[in-house]
Amino acid sequence: MVRLGPSASNRQPWRIIRQDNLWHFYLQRSPGYQKRKLVKLYTTADLQRIDMGIAMCHFDLTLREQGTDGRWVVEDPGIAAGQEPLEYTSTWVG
């Protein structure tokens, strides 16, 4: 359901890493996105953070609909080391 949710400029900046019953949510910012003229002119909000919230909401609501209990925590596991810079957001614990 996360992939079906809306995203500003259709960029889907979220990345999810599964580790057993933990789902770690990361933000992968699009290079130069905030510097684009139209985005800068018409936007005061961090749209990529809003996209993260939408993805997290869709994830949570889908699991609850399926009867799966869980909760959100903010405990960076430090596992997203790679070529792409990722910003840790939160973890869903099921």
N, C-alpha and C. Protein backbone atom coordinates (compact mmCIF):
# COMPACT_ATOMS: atom_id res chain seq x y z
N MET A 1 0.81 -1.19 0.00
CA MET A 1 0.00 0.00 0.00
C MET A 1 0.86 1.27 0.00
N VAL A 2 2.07 1.14 0.51
CA VAL A 2 2.96 2.30 0.53
C VAL A 2 3.24 2.77 -0.90
N ARG A 3 3.49 1.83 -1.79
CA ARG A 3 3.79 2.19 -3.18
C ARG A 3 2.59 2.80 -3.89
N LEU A 4 1.39 2.48 -3.46
CA LEU A 4 0.19 3.01 -4.09
C LEU A 4 -0.18 4.41 -3.59
N GLY A 5 0.39 4.83 -2.49
CA GLY A 5 0.07 6.14 -1.91
C GLY A 5 0.60 7.28 -2.77
N PRO A 6 0.03 8.47 -2.59
CA PRO A 6 0.49 9.63 -3.36
C PRO A 6 1.87 10.09 -2.93
N SER A 7 2.53 10.82 -3.82
CA SER A 7 3.85 11.35 -3.54
C SER A 7 4.03 12.65 -4.33
N ALA A 8 4.60 13.65 -3.71
CA ALA A 8 4.85 14.93 -4.40
C ALA A 8 5.77 14.69 -5.59
N SER A 9 5.42 15.18 -6.72
CA SER A 9 6.20 15.05 -7.96
C SER A 9 6.50 13.60 -8.32
N ASN A 10 5.75 12.66 -7.75
CA ASN A 10 5.91 11.24 -8.04
C ASN A 10 7.34 10.75 -7.79
N ARG A 11 7.94 11.17 -6.70
CA ARG A 11 9.35 10.81 -6.41
C ARG A 11 9.51 9.67 -5.41
N GLN A 12 8.51 9.36 -4.62
CA GLN A 12 8.58 8.29 -3.62
C GLN A 12 9.93 8.28 -2.89
N PRO A 13 10.17 9.27 -2.02
CA PRO A 13 11.49 9.39 -1.39
C PRO A 13 11.73 8.44 -0.23
N TRP A 14 10.78 7.58 0.07
CA TRP A 14 10.93 6.69 1.21
C TRP A 14 11.67 5.42 0.84
N ARG A 15 12.39 4.89 1.82
CA ARG A 15 13.04 3.58 1.68
C ARG A 15 12.74 2.83 2.97
N ILE A 16 12.46 1.54 2.85
CA ILE A 16 12.12 0.73 4.02
C ILE A 16 13.06 -0.46 4.07
N ILE A 17 13.64 -0.68 5.23
CA ILE A 17 14.52 -1.83 5.44
C ILE A 17 13.87 -2.71 6.50
N ARG A 18 13.60 -3.97 6.14
CA ARG A 18 12.98 -4.91 7.07
C ARG A 18 14.06 -5.71 7.79
N GLN A 19 13.85 -5.85 9.09
CA GLN A 19 14.77 -6.62 9.93
C GLN A 19 13.89 -7.42 10.90
N ASP A 20 13.54 -8.65 10.54
CA ASP A 20 12.61 -9.49 11.29
C ASP A 20 11.27 -8.76 11.46
N ASN A 21 10.88 -8.43 12.69
CA ASN A 21 9.60 -7.74 12.90
C ASN A 21 9.78 -6.23 13.02
N LEU A 22 10.91 -5.71 12.56
CA LEU A 22 11.18 -4.28 12.56
C LEU A 22 11.19 -3.78 11.12
N TRP A 23 10.54 -2.65 10.90
CA TRP A 23 10.50 -2.02 9.58
C TRP A 23 11.05 -0.61 9.74
N HIS A 24 12.25 -0.37 9.26
CA HIS A 24 12.94 0.91 9.42
C HIS A 24 12.63 1.81 8.22
N PHE A 25 12.14 3.00 8.48
CA PHE A 25 11.77 3.95 7.43
C PHE A 25 12.85 5.02 7.30
N TYR A 26 13.31 5.22 6.06
CA TYR A 26 14.35 6.20 5.76
C TYR A 26 13.86 7.13 4.65
N LEU A 27 14.36 8.34 4.69
CA LEU A 27 14.07 9.33 3.65
C LEU A 27 15.29 9.45 2.76
N GLN A 28 15.09 9.25 1.46
CA GLN A 28 16.16 9.48 0.49
C GLN A 28 15.79 10.74 -0.29
N ARG A 29 16.44 11.81 0.03
CA ARG A 29 16.13 13.09 -0.60
C ARG A 29 16.55 13.09 -2.07
N SER A 30 15.72 13.71 -2.89
CA SER A 30 16.04 13.85 -4.31
C SER A 30 17.02 15.01 -4.46
N PRO A 31 18.17 14.78 -5.08
CA PRO A 31 19.17 15.85 -5.23
C PRO A 31 18.59 17.07 -5.95
N GLY A 32 18.75 18.24 -5.36
CA GLY A 32 18.32 19.48 -5.97
C GLY A 32 16.83 19.74 -5.94
N TYR A 33 16.05 18.86 -5.32
CA TYR A 33 14.58 18.99 -5.35
C TYR A 33 14.12 20.30 -4.72
N GLN A 34 14.62 20.66 -3.56
CA GLN A 34 14.20 21.88 -2.86
C GLN A 34 14.71 23.13 -3.57
N LYS A 35 15.68 23.01 -4.45
CA LYS A 35 16.26 24.16 -5.12
C LYS A 35 15.57 24.48 -6.45
N ARG A 36 14.68 23.60 -6.91
CA ARG A 36 13.98 23.85 -8.18
C ARG A 36 13.12 25.10 -8.03
N LYS A 37 13.08 25.91 -9.06
CA LYS A 37 12.41 27.21 -9.00
C LYS A 37 10.95 27.14 -8.56
N LEU A 38 10.15 26.26 -9.18
CA LEU A 38 8.74 26.19 -8.83
C LEU A 38 8.53 25.67 -7.41
N VAL A 39 9.33 24.69 -7.01
CA VAL A 39 9.22 24.16 -5.65
C VAL A 39 9.57 25.25 -4.65
N LYS A 40 10.63 25.96 -4.92
CA LYS A 40 11.08 27.02 -4.02
C LYS A 40 10.07 28.16 -3.96
N LEU A 41 9.47 28.49 -5.08
CA LEU A 41 8.53 29.60 -5.16
C LEU A 41 7.20 29.30 -4.47
N TYR A 42 6.68 28.09 -4.65
CA TYR A 42 5.34 27.77 -4.17
C TYR A 42 5.30 26.91 -2.91
N THR A 43 6.41 26.51 -2.38
CA THR A 43 6.41 25.57 -1.28
C THR A 43 7.13 26.12 -0.06
N THR A 44 6.47 26.01 1.08
CA THR A 44 7.12 26.35 2.34
C THR A 44 7.32 25.09 3.17
N ALA A 45 6.56 24.06 2.86
CA ALA A 45 6.66 22.80 3.60
C ALA A 45 7.72 21.90 2.99
N ASP A 46 8.22 20.98 3.77
CA ASP A 46 9.16 19.97 3.29
C ASP A 46 8.33 18.83 2.70
N LEU A 47 8.07 18.88 1.40
CA LEU A 47 7.19 17.91 0.76
C LEU A 47 7.70 16.48 0.87
N GLN A 48 9.00 16.30 0.90
CA GLN A 48 9.51 14.94 1.00
C GLN A 48 9.27 14.37 2.40
N ARG A 49 9.25 15.22 3.43
CA ARG A 49 8.86 14.77 4.77
C ARG A 49 7.37 14.43 4.80
N ILE A 50 6.57 15.21 4.12
CA ILE A 50 5.13 14.92 4.03
C ILE A 50 4.92 13.58 3.34
N ASP A 51 5.68 13.32 2.28
CA ASP A 51 5.61 12.02 1.60
C ASP A 51 5.92 10.88 2.57
N MET A 52 6.90 11.09 3.45
CA MET A 52 7.24 10.07 4.46
C MET A 52 6.05 9.81 5.36
N GLY A 53 5.39 10.87 5.81
CA GLY A 53 4.23 10.71 6.67
C GLY A 53 3.11 9.96 5.99
N ILE A 54 2.89 10.25 4.71
CA ILE A 54 1.85 9.55 3.95
C ILE A 54 2.20 8.06 3.84
N ALA A 55 3.45 7.76 3.53
CA ALA A 55 3.89 6.36 3.41
C ALA A 55 3.74 5.63 4.74
N MET A 56 4.13 6.29 5.83
CA MET A 56 4.02 5.67 7.16
C MET A 56 2.56 5.43 7.53
N CYS A 57 1.71 6.37 7.20
CA CYS A 57 0.28 6.24 7.48
C CYS A 57 -0.32 5.06 6.71
N HIS A 58 -0.01 4.96 5.42
CA HIS A 58 -0.52 3.86 4.62
C HIS A 58 -0.03 2.51 5.14
N PHE A 59 1.23 2.46 5.54
CA PHE A 59 1.81 1.23 6.09
C PHE A 59 1.07 0.83 7.36
N ASP A 60 0.93 1.77 8.28
CA ASP A 60 0.29 1.51 9.57
C ASP A 60 -1.18 1.11 9.40
N LEU A 61 -1.92 1.86 8.60
CA LEU A 61 -3.34 1.58 8.41
C LEU A 61 -3.57 0.22 7.74
N THR A 62 -2.70 -0.15 6.80
CA THR A 62 -2.84 -1.45 6.13
C THR A 62 -2.61 -2.59 7.11
N LEU A 63 -1.58 -2.49 7.94
CA LEU A 63 -1.33 -3.56 8.92
C LEU A 63 -2.43 -3.65 9.95
N ARG A 64 -2.94 -2.50 10.40
CA ARG A 64 -4.05 -2.52 11.36
C ARG A 64 -5.30 -3.15 10.74
N GLU A 65 -5.54 -2.85 9.47
CA GLU A 65 -6.68 -3.44 8.75
C GLU A 65 -6.56 -4.96 8.69
N GLN A 66 -5.34 -5.46 8.61
CA GLN A 66 -5.08 -6.90 8.58
C GLN A 66 -5.06 -7.52 9.96
N GLY A 67 -5.22 -6.69 11.00
CA GLY A 67 -5.23 -7.21 12.37
C GLY A 67 -3.85 -7.36 12.98
N THR A 68 -2.85 -6.75 12.40
CA THR A 68 -1.48 -6.81 12.91
C THR A 68 -1.22 -5.63 13.83
N ASP A 69 -0.89 -5.92 15.07
CA ASP A 69 -0.59 -4.86 16.03
C ASP A 69 0.87 -4.46 15.93
N GLY A 70 1.12 -3.20 16.22
CA GLY A 70 2.48 -2.70 16.22
C GLY A 70 2.51 -1.27 16.73
N ARG A 71 3.71 -0.71 16.77
CA ARG A 71 3.85 0.67 17.24
C ARG A 71 5.06 1.29 16.59
N TRP A 72 5.10 2.61 16.62
CA TRP A 72 6.22 3.37 16.06
C TRP A 72 7.20 3.73 17.16
N VAL A 73 8.48 3.60 16.88
CA VAL A 73 9.54 4.03 17.80
C VAL A 73 10.58 4.80 16.99
N VAL A 74 11.32 5.63 17.67
CA VAL A 74 12.42 6.34 17.02
C VAL A 74 13.71 5.88 17.69
N GLU A 75 14.32 4.87 17.08
CA GLU A 75 15.56 4.27 17.56
C GLU A 75 16.38 3.88 16.34
N ASP A 76 17.23 4.77 15.90
CA ASP A 76 18.02 4.56 14.68
C ASP A 76 18.91 3.33 14.84
N PRO A 77 18.70 2.30 13.99
CA PRO A 77 19.52 1.09 14.09
C PRO A 77 20.90 1.26 13.45
N GLY A 78 21.09 2.34 12.69
CA GLY A 78 22.39 2.59 12.07
C GLY A 78 22.77 1.59 10.99
N ILE A 79 21.79 1.04 10.29
CA ILE A 79 22.09 0.00 9.29
C ILE A 79 22.04 0.49 7.86
N ALA A 80 21.69 1.75 7.64
CA ALA A 80 21.52 2.24 6.27
C ALA A 80 22.78 2.90 5.74
N ALA A 81 23.88 2.23 5.87
CA ALA A 81 25.12 2.77 5.32
C ALA A 81 25.29 2.24 3.91
N GLY A 82 25.37 3.14 2.95
CA GLY A 82 25.50 2.73 1.57
C GLY A 82 25.89 3.90 0.71
N GLN A 83 25.73 3.75 -0.57
CA GLN A 83 26.10 4.81 -1.50
C GLN A 83 25.10 5.95 -1.48
N GLU A 84 23.84 5.67 -1.20
CA GLU A 84 22.81 6.71 -1.21
C GLU A 84 22.64 7.26 0.20
N PRO A 85 22.71 8.58 0.38
CA PRO A 85 22.50 9.14 1.72
C PRO A 85 21.04 9.01 2.14
N LEU A 86 20.81 8.36 3.26
CA LEU A 86 19.46 8.16 3.77
C LEU A 86 19.34 8.80 5.14
N GLU A 87 18.18 9.40 5.42
CA GLU A 87 17.90 10.00 6.73
C GLU A 87 16.92 9.07 7.46
N TYR A 88 17.33 8.61 8.63
CA TYR A 88 16.45 7.75 9.41
C TYR A 88 15.24 8.57 9.86
N THR A 89 14.05 7.95 9.81
CA THR A 89 12.82 8.60 10.24
C THR A 89 12.25 7.92 11.47
N SER A 90 11.91 6.65 11.35
CA SER A 90 11.33 5.90 12.48
C SER A 90 11.28 4.42 12.15
N THR A 91 10.86 3.63 13.15
CA THR A 91 10.79 2.19 12.99
C THR A 91 9.42 1.71 13.46
N TRP A 92 8.82 0.84 12.66
CA TRP A 92 7.57 0.19 13.07
C TRP A 92 7.93 -1.16 13.63
N VAL A 93 7.50 -1.41 14.86
CA VAL A 93 7.77 -2.67 15.56
C VAL A 93 6.50 -3.47 15.61
N GLY A 94 6.52 -4.67 15.05
CA GLY A 94 5.32 -5.51 15.02
C GLY A 94 5.42 -6.70 15.90
